[in-house]
Amino acid sequence: MKGEDLVLPDLGLDEPIALSLWLVKQGGRVVEGEPIAEVMGGETTVDLPAPADGVLAEHLVEEGDPLSVGQRLAVIELC
């Protein structure tokens, strides 16, 4: 199966940025545009949407991990 990466876009958040919560567990189904994770920078929390329909195959970072713009966060197997 093909996969697509969830990558942290430039959200204009204050540094440092961290993954605050996975909203979808590994193996869970995702729908393009629906939130699958929350990231926090400074006092601001932003939902990250799924880039495609599929199954969240792998988390590449853990909750609380520091993040940088462009970093791969997860792999989604396309359905």
N, C-alpha and C. Protein backbone atom coordinates (compact mmCIF):
# COMPACT_ATOMS: atom_id res chain seq x y z
N MET A 1 0.83 -1.20 0.00
CA MET A 1 0.00 0.00 0.00
C MET A 1 0.87 1.25 0.00
N LYS A 2 0.33 2.27 -0.58
CA LYS A 2 1.03 3.55 -0.56
C LYS A 2 0.76 4.27 0.74
N GLY A 3 1.69 5.14 1.10
CA GLY A 3 1.53 5.91 2.31
C GLY A 3 1.73 7.38 2.05
N GLU A 4 1.22 8.16 2.98
CA GLU A 4 1.42 9.62 2.93
C GLU A 4 1.83 10.07 4.33
N ASP A 5 2.80 10.97 4.38
CA ASP A 5 3.30 11.47 5.65
C ASP A 5 2.47 12.64 6.16
N LEU A 6 2.25 12.66 7.48
CA LEU A 6 1.75 13.85 8.15
C LEU A 6 2.98 14.64 8.55
N VAL A 7 3.12 15.85 8.01
CA VAL A 7 4.30 16.69 8.23
C VAL A 7 3.84 17.96 8.94
N LEU A 8 4.65 18.42 9.90
CA LEU A 8 4.31 19.65 10.61
C LEU A 8 4.49 20.86 9.69
N PRO A 9 3.39 21.54 9.35
CA PRO A 9 3.51 22.75 8.53
C PRO A 9 3.93 23.94 9.39
N ASP A 10 4.28 25.03 8.74
CA ASP A 10 4.58 26.27 9.46
C ASP A 10 3.25 26.88 9.89
N LEU A 11 2.95 26.77 11.17
CA LEU A 11 1.69 27.26 11.71
C LEU A 11 1.82 28.63 12.36
N GLY A 12 3.03 29.19 12.34
CA GLY A 12 3.26 30.49 12.96
C GLY A 12 3.22 30.44 14.48
N LEU A 13 3.47 29.25 15.05
CA LEU A 13 3.45 29.10 16.51
C LEU A 13 4.76 29.56 17.12
N ASP A 14 4.68 30.02 18.37
CA ASP A 14 5.89 30.37 19.12
C ASP A 14 6.68 29.11 19.43
N GLU A 15 7.99 29.23 19.39
CA GLU A 15 8.88 28.12 19.77
C GLU A 15 8.92 28.02 21.29
N PRO A 16 9.17 26.89 21.88
CA PRO A 16 9.27 25.60 21.22
C PRO A 16 7.88 25.04 20.92
N ILE A 17 7.82 24.16 19.92
CA ILE A 17 6.59 23.49 19.52
C ILE A 17 6.69 22.04 19.98
N ALA A 18 5.59 21.49 20.47
CA ALA A 18 5.58 20.10 20.92
C ALA A 18 4.27 19.44 20.52
N LEU A 19 4.32 18.12 20.36
CA LEU A 19 3.10 17.35 20.14
C LEU A 19 2.40 17.21 21.48
N SER A 20 1.19 17.73 21.59
CA SER A 20 0.50 17.66 22.88
C SER A 20 -0.40 16.43 22.99
N LEU A 21 -1.00 15.97 21.87
CA LEU A 21 -1.95 14.86 21.97
C LEU A 21 -2.17 14.21 20.61
N TRP A 22 -2.14 12.89 20.58
CA TRP A 22 -2.61 12.15 19.41
C TRP A 22 -4.11 11.95 19.58
N LEU A 23 -4.89 12.39 18.62
CA LEU A 23 -6.34 12.23 18.65
C LEU A 23 -6.77 10.90 18.04
N VAL A 24 -5.88 10.29 17.24
CA VAL A 24 -6.13 9.00 16.61
C VAL A 24 -4.99 8.07 16.96
N LYS A 25 -5.32 6.88 17.43
CA LYS A 25 -4.30 5.89 17.77
C LYS A 25 -3.79 5.19 16.52
N GLN A 26 -2.61 4.58 16.62
CA GLN A 26 -2.08 3.78 15.52
C GLN A 26 -3.11 2.71 15.17
N GLY A 27 -3.33 2.53 13.88
CA GLY A 27 -4.31 1.56 13.42
C GLY A 27 -5.70 2.13 13.23
N GLY A 28 -5.90 3.39 13.67
CA GLY A 28 -7.21 4.02 13.54
C GLY A 28 -7.43 4.60 12.15
N ARG A 29 -8.67 4.60 11.74
CA ARG A 29 -9.04 5.18 10.44
C ARG A 29 -9.04 6.70 10.54
N VAL A 30 -8.59 7.35 9.46
CA VAL A 30 -8.59 8.81 9.39
C VAL A 30 -9.28 9.25 8.10
N VAL A 31 -9.88 10.41 8.16
CA VAL A 31 -10.55 11.02 7.02
C VAL A 31 -9.85 12.34 6.72
N GLU A 32 -9.54 12.56 5.45
CA GLU A 32 -8.85 13.78 5.05
C GLU A 32 -9.54 15.00 5.63
N GLY A 33 -8.75 15.86 6.28
CA GLY A 33 -9.26 17.10 6.84
C GLY A 33 -9.67 17.02 8.30
N GLU A 34 -9.90 15.81 8.81
CA GLU A 34 -10.27 15.67 10.22
C GLU A 34 -9.03 15.71 11.10
N PRO A 35 -9.14 16.31 12.29
CA PRO A 35 -7.98 16.41 13.18
C PRO A 35 -7.50 15.04 13.65
N ILE A 36 -6.17 14.85 13.62
CA ILE A 36 -5.60 13.59 14.12
C ILE A 36 -4.57 13.82 15.22
N ALA A 37 -4.12 15.07 15.38
CA ALA A 37 -3.15 15.38 16.43
C ALA A 37 -3.29 16.84 16.82
N GLU A 38 -2.80 17.15 18.04
CA GLU A 38 -2.73 18.54 18.51
C GLU A 38 -1.27 18.88 18.77
N VAL A 39 -0.88 20.07 18.34
CA VAL A 39 0.45 20.58 18.66
C VAL A 39 0.30 21.88 19.43
N MET A 40 1.31 22.18 20.25
CA MET A 40 1.26 23.40 21.06
C MET A 40 2.54 24.18 20.89
N GLY A 41 2.39 25.47 20.72
CA GLY A 41 3.52 26.38 20.69
C GLY A 41 3.17 27.59 21.52
N GLY A 42 3.97 27.86 22.56
CA GLY A 42 3.60 28.93 23.49
C GLY A 42 2.33 28.56 24.20
N GLU A 43 1.33 29.43 24.16
CA GLU A 43 0.04 29.17 24.81
C GLU A 43 -1.02 28.72 23.80
N THR A 44 -0.62 28.49 22.54
CA THR A 44 -1.57 28.18 21.48
C THR A 44 -1.54 26.70 21.12
N THR A 45 -2.72 26.10 21.02
CA THR A 45 -2.85 24.71 20.58
C THR A 45 -3.56 24.70 19.23
N VAL A 46 -3.04 23.89 18.31
CA VAL A 46 -3.59 23.81 16.95
C VAL A 46 -3.81 22.34 16.60
N ASP A 47 -4.97 22.04 16.00
CA ASP A 47 -5.24 20.69 15.49
C ASP A 47 -4.57 20.51 14.15
N LEU A 48 -3.98 19.33 13.94
CA LEU A 48 -3.41 18.98 12.64
C LEU A 48 -4.36 18.03 11.94
N PRO A 49 -4.79 18.37 10.72
CA PRO A 49 -5.72 17.50 9.99
C PRO A 49 -4.99 16.39 9.24
N ALA A 50 -5.71 15.31 9.00
CA ALA A 50 -5.19 14.22 8.19
C ALA A 50 -5.03 14.71 6.75
N PRO A 51 -3.89 14.40 6.11
CA PRO A 51 -3.67 14.84 4.74
C PRO A 51 -4.40 13.98 3.70
N ALA A 52 -4.93 12.82 4.14
CA ALA A 52 -5.60 11.91 3.20
C ALA A 52 -6.44 10.92 3.98
N ASP A 53 -7.35 10.24 3.29
CA ASP A 53 -8.11 9.15 3.88
C ASP A 53 -7.21 7.94 4.01
N GLY A 54 -7.37 7.18 5.10
CA GLY A 54 -6.58 5.98 5.26
C GLY A 54 -6.56 5.48 6.68
N VAL A 55 -5.46 4.79 7.00
CA VAL A 55 -5.25 4.24 8.34
C VAL A 55 -3.96 4.84 8.88
N LEU A 56 -4.01 5.33 10.11
CA LEU A 56 -2.81 5.87 10.74
C LEU A 56 -1.89 4.69 11.08
N ALA A 57 -0.92 4.45 10.22
CA ALA A 57 -0.09 3.25 10.32
C ALA A 57 0.97 3.36 11.40
N GLU A 58 1.54 4.56 11.57
CA GLU A 58 2.65 4.69 12.51
C GLU A 58 2.79 6.11 13.02
N HIS A 59 2.89 6.24 14.34
CA HIS A 59 3.29 7.52 14.96
C HIS A 59 4.81 7.56 14.92
N LEU A 60 5.37 8.65 14.44
CA LEU A 60 6.82 8.81 14.38
C LEU A 60 7.35 9.64 15.54
N VAL A 61 6.46 10.29 16.28
CA VAL A 61 6.82 11.06 17.48
C VAL A 61 5.83 10.72 18.58
N GLU A 62 6.24 10.94 19.81
CA GLU A 62 5.40 10.67 20.97
C GLU A 62 4.85 11.98 21.53
N GLU A 63 3.77 11.88 22.30
CA GLU A 63 3.21 13.05 22.96
C GLU A 63 4.28 13.66 23.86
N GLY A 64 4.42 14.98 23.78
CA GLY A 64 5.41 15.70 24.56
C GLY A 64 6.73 15.94 23.83
N ASP A 65 6.94 15.23 22.71
CA ASP A 65 8.18 15.41 21.95
C ASP A 65 8.25 16.80 21.33
N PRO A 66 9.44 17.42 21.32
CA PRO A 66 9.61 18.69 20.62
C PRO A 66 9.56 18.45 19.11
N LEU A 67 9.06 19.45 18.39
CA LEU A 67 8.88 19.34 16.94
C LEU A 67 9.53 20.51 16.23
N SER A 68 9.82 20.29 14.94
CA SER A 68 10.29 21.38 14.09
C SER A 68 9.48 21.37 12.80
N VAL A 69 9.33 22.54 12.20
CA VAL A 69 8.57 22.68 10.96
C VAL A 69 9.18 21.76 9.90
N GLY A 70 8.33 21.02 9.20
CA GLY A 70 8.77 20.10 8.17
C GLY A 70 9.04 18.69 8.67
N GLN A 71 8.97 18.48 9.98
CA GLN A 71 9.24 17.17 10.56
C GLN A 71 8.10 16.20 10.25
N ARG A 72 8.45 14.95 9.93
CA ARG A 72 7.46 13.90 9.72
C ARG A 72 6.92 13.46 11.08
N LEU A 73 5.58 13.43 11.22
CA LEU A 73 4.96 13.08 12.50
C LEU A 73 4.32 11.71 12.48
N ALA A 74 3.80 11.30 11.32
CA ALA A 74 3.09 10.03 11.22
C ALA A 74 3.06 9.59 9.76
N VAL A 75 2.74 8.30 9.59
CA VAL A 75 2.56 7.73 8.25
C VAL A 75 1.12 7.23 8.16
N ILE A 76 0.45 7.61 7.07
CA ILE A 76 -0.91 7.19 6.82
C ILE A 76 -0.91 6.27 5.62
N GLU A 77 -1.42 5.04 5.79
CA GLU A 77 -1.59 4.12 4.66
C GLU A 77 -2.86 4.53 3.94
N LEU A 78 -2.74 4.76 2.65
CA LEU A 78 -3.87 5.22 1.85
C LEU A 78 -4.81 4.05 1.54
N CYS A 79 -6.10 4.32 1.57
CA CYS A 79 -7.11 3.29 1.27
C CYS A 79 -7.81 3.60 -0.03
